[in-house]
Amino acid sequence: MSKPRVQVRPKAISPKQAEPFKKESAGTFSDEEIRVRAYQIYEFRDRNGNQADEDWSQAQTELMELLGG
């Protein structure tokens, strides 16, 4: 018997509800914050493909852009 596939989508939140990212130091994000964003990218692709390195890189880039860097 196989487990049913469950799709989890991030909730849409307004900017007022969004919590600011906690940075390890100025201009950097923790591995946990990058991992969470990379997983969101993976889910957005409907969990299709094994592109972990690309997802991680994209997550780092997006988070750095939030800081204006």
Protein backbone atom coordinates (compact mmCIF):
# COMPACT_ATOMS: atom_id res chain seq x y z
CA MET A 1 0.00 0.00 0.00
CA SER A 2 1.47 3.37 -0.96
CA LYS A 3 1.03 6.63 0.86
CA PRO A 4 -1.09 9.23 -0.92
CA ARG A 5 0.87 12.16 -2.32
CA VAL A 6 0.13 15.36 -0.46
CA GLN A 7 0.88 18.72 -2.02
CA VAL A 8 1.89 21.48 0.36
CA ARG A 9 1.81 25.02 -0.93
CA PRO A 10 3.17 28.02 0.94
CA LYS A 11 0.47 30.31 2.24
CA ALA A 12 0.10 33.67 0.59
CA ILE A 13 0.86 36.34 3.14
CA SER A 14 0.85 40.07 2.97
CA PRO A 15 4.08 42.00 3.48
CA LYS A 16 2.76 43.14 6.87
CA GLN A 17 2.48 39.51 7.99
CA ALA A 18 5.90 38.47 6.74
CA GLU A 19 8.52 38.07 9.42
CA PRO A 20 11.90 39.56 8.65
CA PHE A 21 14.65 37.02 8.05
CA LYS A 22 17.06 36.57 10.92
CA LYS A 23 20.53 36.96 9.54
CA GLU A 24 23.62 35.31 11.00
CA SER A 25 25.55 38.48 10.19
CA ALA A 26 25.00 41.47 7.98
CA GLY A 27 24.35 40.36 4.41
CA THR A 28 24.12 36.61 5.03
CA PHE A 29 21.38 34.09 5.60
CA SER A 30 21.49 30.90 7.61
CA ASP A 31 21.60 27.51 5.91
CA GLU A 32 18.13 26.88 7.35
CA GLU A 33 16.68 29.97 5.64
CA ILE A 34 18.28 29.00 2.34
CA ARG A 35 17.08 25.40 2.74
CA VAL A 36 13.49 26.54 3.32
CA ARG A 37 13.54 28.75 0.21
CA ALA A 38 15.19 26.02 -1.88
CA TYR A 39 12.45 23.60 -0.81
CA GLN A 40 9.78 26.13 -1.78
CA ILE A 41 11.38 26.37 -5.23
CA TYR A 42 11.38 22.55 -5.46
CA GLU A 43 7.70 22.43 -4.50
CA PHE A 44 6.86 25.15 -7.02
CA ARG A 45 8.21 22.82 -9.72
CA ASP A 46 5.72 20.21 -8.42
CA ARG A 47 8.63 18.25 -6.92
CA ASN A 48 9.76 17.45 -10.43
CA GLY A 49 13.41 16.67 -11.05
CA ASN A 50 16.52 16.39 -8.97
CA GLN A 51 17.94 19.89 -9.13
CA ALA A 52 18.96 20.45 -5.51
CA ASP A 53 22.14 22.38 -6.36
CA GLU A 54 20.29 24.68 -8.74
CA ASP A 55 17.47 25.20 -6.22
CA TRP A 56 20.01 26.05 -3.48
CA SER A 57 21.82 28.52 -5.75
CA GLN A 58 18.56 30.16 -6.81
CA ALA A 59 17.46 30.43 -3.17
CA GLN A 60 20.75 32.11 -2.20
CA THR A 61 20.44 34.54 -5.10
CA GLU A 62 16.84 35.46 -4.27
CA LEU A 63 17.60 36.01 -0.60
CA MET A 64 20.60 38.20 -1.39
CA GLU A 65 18.43 40.25 -3.76
CA LEU A 66 16.08 40.91 -0.85
CA LEU A 67 19.00 42.62 0.85
CA GLY A 68 19.76 44.61 -2.26
CA GLY A 69 23.05 42.82 -2.88
